Amino acid sequence: MEGDLIVCPTCARAHPPSERFCEACGMPLVHPADAASPSHLPWRAKREHVASERQQTARKIKPQYTEGELVKVAHAENEPEAEFIAGLLLEEGIPCLLRNSIGGYSPMIGPREIMVPASGAQAAREALKWERPA
């Protein structure tokens, strides 16, 4: 039955609900947040079918940007600025890691390096490039 299938957001290939990744392109498969859960499941199981925040984040990541060593593509002065940059990259499908560039534990203060896999470095630099108005 087609209503029970999950469609890959990248290549539109249909999969049974038990699949977690698309065989064709490797994209994570999640149930849409607004889709009705199967009626034969108890209410707790229905709630688990709603895509979690992590699943929604994973769904945005483009597989072609996940290969290679981590490379620095940007620098942020603090954690909020780094998280803003990470959000911009995620909207482009580029995963990143925020690394504290000074020793010790400082949750909100201190500079951060924005690291991405090598295959996504050029796309990340292009996504973060901007020119000041003249």
N, C-alpha and C. Protein backbone atom coordinates (compact mmCIF):
# COMPACT_ATOMS: atom_id res chain seq x y z
N MET A 1 0.84 -1.19 0.00
CA MET A 1 0.00 0.00 0.00
C MET A 1 0.88 1.24 0.00
N GLU A 2 0.65 2.19 -0.89
CA GLU A 2 1.52 3.34 -1.07
C GLU A 2 1.53 4.27 0.13
N GLY A 3 0.41 4.36 0.86
CA GLY A 3 0.34 5.23 2.03
C GLY A 3 1.27 4.80 3.14
N ASP A 4 1.65 3.54 3.17
CA ASP A 4 2.54 3.03 4.20
C ASP A 4 4.01 3.20 3.81
N LEU A 5 4.30 3.68 2.62
CA LEU A 5 5.68 3.81 2.16
C LEU A 5 6.26 5.16 2.53
N ILE A 6 7.58 5.19 2.71
CA ILE A 6 8.30 6.43 2.94
C ILE A 6 9.02 6.77 1.64
N VAL A 7 8.88 8.00 1.18
CA VAL A 7 9.51 8.42 -0.06
C VAL A 7 10.79 9.19 0.28
N CYS A 8 11.88 8.81 -0.37
CA CYS A 8 13.16 9.49 -0.17
C CYS A 8 13.05 10.93 -0.65
N PRO A 9 13.45 11.91 0.18
CA PRO A 9 13.35 13.31 -0.23
C PRO A 9 14.35 13.70 -1.32
N THR A 10 15.38 12.88 -1.53
CA THR A 10 16.39 13.21 -2.53
C THR A 10 16.08 12.60 -3.89
N CYS A 11 15.82 11.28 -3.90
CA CYS A 11 15.66 10.61 -5.20
C CYS A 11 14.23 10.13 -5.46
N ALA A 12 13.31 10.33 -4.52
CA ALA A 12 11.89 10.00 -4.65
C ALA A 12 11.62 8.50 -4.77
N ARG A 13 12.54 7.67 -4.34
CA ARG A 13 12.32 6.23 -4.35
C ARG A 13 11.51 5.84 -3.11
N ALA A 14 10.52 4.98 -3.27
CA ALA A 14 9.65 4.56 -2.17
C ALA A 14 10.28 3.40 -1.40
N HIS A 15 10.12 3.43 -0.07
CA HIS A 15 10.68 2.40 0.81
C HIS A 15 9.65 1.98 1.84
N PRO A 16 9.72 0.74 2.34
CA PRO A 16 8.83 0.34 3.42
C PRO A 16 9.20 1.09 4.70
N PRO A 17 8.26 1.25 5.63
CA PRO A 17 8.52 2.01 6.86
C PRO A 17 9.66 1.46 7.71
N SER A 18 10.02 0.21 7.54
CA SER A 18 11.09 -0.39 8.34
C SER A 18 12.48 0.05 7.90
N GLU A 19 12.61 0.61 6.68
CA GLU A 19 13.92 1.04 6.18
C GLU A 19 14.34 2.35 6.86
N ARG A 20 15.65 2.50 7.09
CA ARG A 20 16.16 3.71 7.71
C ARG A 20 16.92 4.59 6.74
N PHE A 21 17.50 3.98 5.68
CA PHE A 21 18.27 4.74 4.70
C PHE A 21 17.87 4.32 3.30
N CYS A 22 17.95 5.24 2.37
CA CYS A 22 17.64 4.97 0.97
C CYS A 22 18.77 4.14 0.37
N GLU A 23 18.43 3.03 -0.25
CA GLU A 23 19.44 2.18 -0.89
C GLU A 23 20.10 2.90 -2.06
N ALA A 24 19.35 3.72 -2.77
CA ALA A 24 19.85 4.36 -3.98
C ALA A 24 20.84 5.49 -3.69
N CYS A 25 20.52 6.35 -2.71
CA CYS A 25 21.36 7.54 -2.51
C CYS A 25 21.94 7.67 -1.10
N GLY A 26 21.51 6.82 -0.16
CA GLY A 26 22.06 6.86 1.19
C GLY A 26 21.42 7.88 2.12
N MET A 27 20.39 8.59 1.68
CA MET A 27 19.75 9.61 2.49
C MET A 27 18.98 8.96 3.64
N PRO A 28 19.04 9.52 4.88
CA PRO A 28 18.23 8.98 5.97
C PRO A 28 16.74 9.14 5.66
N LEU A 29 15.97 8.13 5.99
CA LEU A 29 14.53 8.16 5.76
C LEU A 29 13.81 8.36 7.08
N VAL A 30 12.89 9.31 7.15
CA VAL A 30 12.11 9.56 8.36
C VAL A 30 10.65 9.72 7.98
N HIS A 31 9.79 9.42 8.94
CA HIS A 31 8.37 9.64 8.73
C HIS A 31 8.10 11.13 8.77
N PRO A 32 7.28 11.65 7.89
CA PRO A 32 6.96 13.08 7.94
C PRO A 32 6.30 13.43 9.26
N ALA A 33 6.61 14.58 9.81
CA ALA A 33 6.10 14.99 11.11
C ALA A 33 4.58 15.15 11.10
N ASP A 34 4.02 15.53 9.96
CA ASP A 34 2.58 15.78 9.92
C ASP A 34 1.79 14.57 9.43
N ALA A 35 2.45 13.48 9.11
CA ALA A 35 1.73 12.31 8.62
C ALA A 35 1.05 11.58 9.77
N ALA A 36 -0.09 11.03 9.49
CA ALA A 36 -0.80 10.26 10.51
C ALA A 36 -0.07 8.95 10.74
N SER A 37 0.01 8.54 12.01
CA SER A 37 0.65 7.27 12.35
C SER A 37 -0.30 6.13 12.02
N PRO A 38 0.23 4.94 11.77
CA PRO A 38 -0.64 3.80 11.51
C PRO A 38 -1.63 3.60 12.65
N SER A 39 -2.89 3.35 12.30
CA SER A 39 -3.94 3.28 13.32
C SER A 39 -3.86 2.04 14.19
N HIS A 40 -3.11 1.01 13.76
CA HIS A 40 -3.05 -0.22 14.54
C HIS A 40 -2.04 -0.16 15.69
N LEU A 41 -1.28 0.95 15.80
CA LEU A 41 -0.27 1.07 16.84
C LEU A 41 -0.84 1.77 18.06
N PRO A 42 -0.36 1.41 19.28
CA PRO A 42 -0.79 2.14 20.47
C PRO A 42 -0.29 3.58 20.43
N TRP A 43 -0.89 4.45 21.25
CA TRP A 43 -0.58 5.88 21.18
C TRP A 43 0.89 6.18 21.39
N ARG A 44 1.60 5.45 22.24
CA ARG A 44 3.03 5.71 22.46
C ARG A 44 3.84 5.40 21.22
N ALA A 45 3.51 4.32 20.53
CA ALA A 45 4.22 3.97 19.30
C ALA A 45 3.92 5.00 18.21
N LYS A 46 2.69 5.51 18.17
CA LYS A 46 2.34 6.53 17.18
C LYS A 46 3.21 7.77 17.38
N ARG A 47 3.40 8.15 18.62
CA ARG A 47 4.20 9.33 18.93
C ARG A 47 5.64 9.15 18.47
N GLU A 48 6.15 7.93 18.54
CA GLU A 48 7.53 7.66 18.12
C GLU A 48 7.70 7.76 16.61
N HIS A 49 6.60 7.67 15.86
CA HIS A 49 6.69 7.77 14.41
C HIS A 49 6.91 9.21 13.93
N VAL A 50 6.66 10.17 14.77
CA VAL A 50 6.88 11.55 14.40
C VAL A 50 8.39 11.79 14.37
N ALA A 51 8.86 12.42 13.34
CA ALA A 51 10.29 12.64 13.18
C ALA A 51 10.84 13.49 14.33
N SER A 52 11.91 13.00 14.93
CA SER A 52 12.54 13.76 16.00
C SER A 52 13.37 14.89 15.41
N GLU A 53 13.81 15.79 16.25
CA GLU A 53 14.63 16.91 15.78
C GLU A 53 15.92 16.41 15.15
N ARG A 54 16.53 15.39 15.71
CA ARG A 54 17.75 14.83 15.14
C ARG A 54 17.50 14.23 13.76
N GLN A 55 16.38 13.53 13.61
CA GLN A 55 16.05 12.95 12.31
C GLN A 55 15.81 14.04 11.28
N GLN A 56 15.15 15.11 11.68
CA GLN A 56 14.91 16.22 10.75
C GLN A 56 16.22 16.87 10.34
N THR A 57 17.16 16.99 11.28
CA THR A 57 18.47 17.54 10.96
C THR A 57 19.22 16.62 10.01
N ALA A 58 19.21 15.32 10.30
CA ALA A 58 19.91 14.35 9.44
C ALA A 58 19.33 14.35 8.04
N ARG A 59 18.05 14.59 7.93
CA ARG A 59 17.39 14.60 6.63
C ARG A 59 17.90 15.73 5.74
N LYS A 60 18.35 16.82 6.35
CA LYS A 60 18.83 17.97 5.58
C LYS A 60 20.22 17.74 5.00
N ILE A 61 21.01 16.88 5.63
CA ILE A 61 22.40 16.70 5.22
C ILE A 61 22.48 15.98 3.88
N LYS A 62 23.26 16.54 2.98
CA LYS A 62 23.47 15.94 1.65
C LYS A 62 24.66 14.98 1.73
N PRO A 63 24.46 13.72 1.33
CA PRO A 63 25.52 12.71 1.46
C PRO A 63 26.84 13.09 0.78
N GLN A 64 26.78 13.84 -0.32
CA GLN A 64 28.01 14.20 -1.03
C GLN A 64 28.90 15.14 -0.21
N TYR A 65 28.38 15.72 0.87
CA TYR A 65 29.17 16.62 1.71
C TYR A 65 29.65 15.96 3.00
N THR A 66 29.65 14.64 3.06
CA THR A 66 29.99 13.95 4.30
C THR A 66 31.30 13.16 4.24
N GLU A 67 32.06 13.30 3.17
CA GLU A 67 33.26 12.49 2.99
C GLU A 67 34.53 13.27 3.31
N GLY A 68 35.52 12.59 3.85
CA GLY A 68 36.85 13.16 4.04
C GLY A 68 37.12 13.66 5.45
N GLU A 69 38.36 14.09 5.61
CA GLU A 69 38.83 14.64 6.88
C GLU A 69 38.13 15.97 7.17
N LEU A 70 38.05 16.33 8.45
CA LEU A 70 37.48 17.62 8.81
C LEU A 70 38.48 18.73 8.50
N VAL A 71 37.98 19.80 7.89
CA VAL A 71 38.80 20.96 7.58
C VAL A 71 38.10 22.22 8.10
N LYS A 72 38.90 23.19 8.51
CA LYS A 72 38.35 24.46 9.02
C LYS A 72 37.89 25.32 7.85
N VAL A 73 36.64 25.80 7.93
CA VAL A 73 36.12 26.67 6.88
C VAL A 73 35.76 28.06 7.39
N ALA A 74 35.66 28.21 8.71
CA ALA A 74 35.28 29.51 9.25
C ALA A 74 35.71 29.60 10.71
N HIS A 75 35.63 30.81 11.24
CA HIS A 75 35.98 31.10 12.62
C HIS A 75 34.86 31.94 13.20
N ALA A 76 34.48 31.63 14.42
CA ALA A 76 33.46 32.41 15.11
C ALA A 76 34.04 32.92 16.42
N GLU A 77 33.59 34.08 16.84
CA GLU A 77 34.12 34.69 18.08
C GLU A 77 33.54 34.05 19.34
N ASN A 78 32.36 33.41 19.23
CA ASN A 78 31.73 32.81 20.41
C ASN A 78 30.75 31.71 19.98
N GLU A 79 30.18 31.01 20.95
CA GLU A 79 29.27 29.89 20.68
C GLU A 79 28.02 30.31 19.93
N PRO A 80 27.33 31.38 20.31
CA PRO A 80 26.13 31.76 19.54
C PRO A 80 26.44 32.06 18.07
N GLU A 81 27.54 32.74 17.81
CA GLU A 81 27.91 33.03 16.43
C GLU A 81 28.23 31.74 15.67
N ALA A 82 28.92 30.81 16.33
CA ALA A 82 29.25 29.53 15.71
C ALA A 82 27.99 28.73 15.40
N GLU A 83 27.02 28.73 16.31
CA GLU A 83 25.77 28.01 16.06
C GLU A 83 24.98 28.64 14.92
N PHE A 84 25.05 29.94 14.78
CA PHE A 84 24.40 30.62 13.66
C PHE A 84 25.02 30.16 12.34
N ILE A 85 26.35 30.12 12.28
CA ILE A 85 27.04 29.67 11.08
C ILE A 85 26.70 28.21 10.79
N ALA A 86 26.67 27.38 11.84
CA ALA A 86 26.31 25.96 11.67
C ALA A 86 24.91 25.83 11.08
N GLY A 87 23.98 26.67 11.53
CA GLY A 87 22.63 26.65 10.98
C GLY A 87 22.58 27.03 9.52
N LEU A 88 23.38 28.02 9.14
CA LEU A 88 23.45 28.41 7.73
C LEU A 88 23.98 27.26 6.88
N LEU A 89 25.02 26.59 7.36
CA LEU A 89 25.58 25.47 6.61
C LEU A 89 24.59 24.32 6.51
N LEU A 90 23.88 24.04 7.60
CA LEU A 90 22.90 22.96 7.58
C LEU A 90 21.81 23.22 6.56
N GLU A 91 21.40 24.46 6.40
CA GLU A 91 20.38 24.79 5.39
C GLU A 91 20.88 24.49 3.98
N GLU A 92 22.18 24.48 3.78
CA GLU A 92 22.78 24.12 2.48
C GLU A 92 23.07 22.62 2.39
N GLY A 93 22.78 21.88 3.46
CA GLY A 93 23.00 20.43 3.46
C GLY A 93 24.40 20.03 3.88
N ILE A 94 25.15 20.95 4.49
CA ILE A 94 26.54 20.70 4.85
C ILE A 94 26.64 20.46 6.35
N PRO A 95 27.08 19.27 6.77
CA PRO A 95 27.24 19.02 8.20
C PRO A 95 28.49 19.72 8.72
N CYS A 96 28.49 20.10 10.00
CA CYS A 96 29.70 20.71 10.54
C CYS A 96 29.86 20.37 12.01
N LEU A 97 31.05 20.62 12.49
CA LEU A 97 31.40 20.41 13.88
C LEU A 97 31.98 21.71 14.40
N LEU A 98 31.55 22.11 15.59
CA LEU A 98 32.08 23.33 16.21
C LEU A 98 33.15 22.91 17.20
N ARG A 99 34.33 23.49 17.06
CA ARG A 99 35.44 23.12 17.93
C ARG A 99 35.93 24.35 18.67
N ASN A 100 36.05 24.19 20.00
CA ASN A 100 36.58 25.25 20.84
C ASN A 100 38.04 25.43 20.49
N SER A 101 38.44 26.63 20.10
CA SER A 101 39.81 26.83 19.66
C SER A 101 40.75 27.24 20.79
N ILE A 102 40.22 27.32 22.02
CA ILE A 102 41.09 27.56 23.17
C ILE A 102 40.92 26.42 24.14
N GLY A 103 41.91 26.17 24.94
CA GLY A 103 41.84 25.08 25.91
C GLY A 103 40.86 25.38 27.02
N GLY A 104 40.43 24.35 27.71
CA GLY A 104 39.53 24.52 28.85
C GLY A 104 38.08 24.51 28.43
N TYR A 105 37.20 24.59 29.41
CA TYR A 105 35.77 24.54 29.17
C TYR A 105 35.19 25.94 29.30
N SER A 106 34.66 26.45 28.24
CA SER A 106 33.98 27.75 28.27
C SER A 106 32.76 27.63 27.37
N PRO A 107 31.59 27.37 27.95
CA PRO A 107 30.41 27.07 27.14
C PRO A 107 29.95 28.19 26.21
N MET A 108 30.08 29.44 26.59
CA MET A 108 29.55 30.51 25.75
C MET A 108 30.60 31.51 25.29
N ILE A 109 31.74 31.51 25.92
CA ILE A 109 32.75 32.51 25.55
C ILE A 109 33.93 31.83 24.88
N GLY A 110 34.64 32.59 24.14
CA GLY A 110 35.81 32.06 23.46
C GLY A 110 35.51 31.72 22.01
N PRO A 111 36.54 31.78 21.19
CA PRO A 111 36.36 31.52 19.76
C PRO A 111 36.09 30.06 19.45
N ARG A 112 35.47 29.83 18.29
CA ARG A 112 35.16 28.48 17.82
C ARG A 112 35.61 28.35 16.37
N GLU A 113 36.06 27.16 16.03
CA GLU A 113 36.38 26.85 14.63
C GLU A 113 35.22 26.04 14.07
N ILE A 114 34.82 26.34 12.84
CA ILE A 114 33.76 25.60 12.17
C ILE A 114 34.44 24.63 11.22
N MET A 115 34.26 23.34 11.49
CA MET A 115 34.91 22.28 10.74
C MET A 115 33.86 21.52 9.92
N VAL A 116 34.18 21.20 8.67
CA VAL A 116 33.30 20.41 7.81
C VAL A 116 34.12 19.32 7.13
N PRO A 117 33.46 18.24 6.68
CA PRO A 117 34.18 17.23 5.90
C PRO A 117 34.76 17.85 4.62
N ALA A 118 35.90 17.34 4.18
CA ALA A 118 36.61 17.89 3.02
C ALA A 118 35.72 18.00 1.78
N SER A 119 34.83 17.04 1.56
CA SER A 119 33.98 17.08 0.37
C SER A 119 32.98 18.23 0.39
N GLY A 120 32.72 18.79 1.56
CA GLY A 120 31.79 19.92 1.67
C GLY A 120 32.47 21.25 1.89
N ALA A 121 33.81 21.27 1.93
CA ALA A 121 34.53 22.50 2.26
C ALA A 121 34.29 23.61 1.24
N GLN A 122 34.39 23.31 -0.03
CA GLN A 122 34.21 24.34 -1.06
C GLN A 122 32.78 24.89 -1.03
N ALA A 123 31.80 23.99 -0.90
CA ALA A 123 30.41 24.43 -0.84
C ALA A 123 30.17 25.28 0.41
N ALA A 124 30.81 24.92 1.53
CA ALA A 124 30.66 25.69 2.76
C ALA A 124 31.25 27.09 2.60
N ARG A 125 32.43 27.16 2.01
CA ARG A 125 33.06 28.47 1.81
C ARG A 125 32.20 29.35 0.90
N GLU A 126 31.62 28.76 -0.14
CA GLU A 126 30.74 29.52 -1.04
C GLU A 126 29.47 29.96 -0.32
N ALA A 127 28.92 29.09 0.52
CA ALA A 127 27.70 29.44 1.26
C ALA A 127 27.94 30.56 2.26
N LEU A 128 29.15 30.63 2.80
CA LEU A 128 29.46 31.64 3.81
C LEU A 128 30.07 32.92 3.22
N LYS A 129 30.36 32.91 1.93
CA LYS A 129 30.98 34.07 1.30
C LYS A 129 29.93 35.17 1.12
N TRP A 130 30.32 36.36 1.43
CA TRP A 130 29.44 37.51 1.20
C TRP A 130 30.31 38.72 0.93
N GLU A 131 29.73 39.66 0.26
CA GLU A 131 30.43 40.89 -0.07
C GLU A 131 29.71 42.05 0.59
N ARG A 132 30.49 42.98 1.10
CA ARG A 132 29.89 44.17 1.71
C ARG A 132 29.39 45.10 0.62
N PRO A 133 28.25 45.72 0.87
CA PRO A 133 27.74 46.68 -0.11
C PRO A 133 28.72 47.84 -0.26
N ALA A 134 28.80 48.38 -1.45
CA ALA A 134 29.72 49.50 -1.73
C ALA A 134 29.26 50.78 -1.12
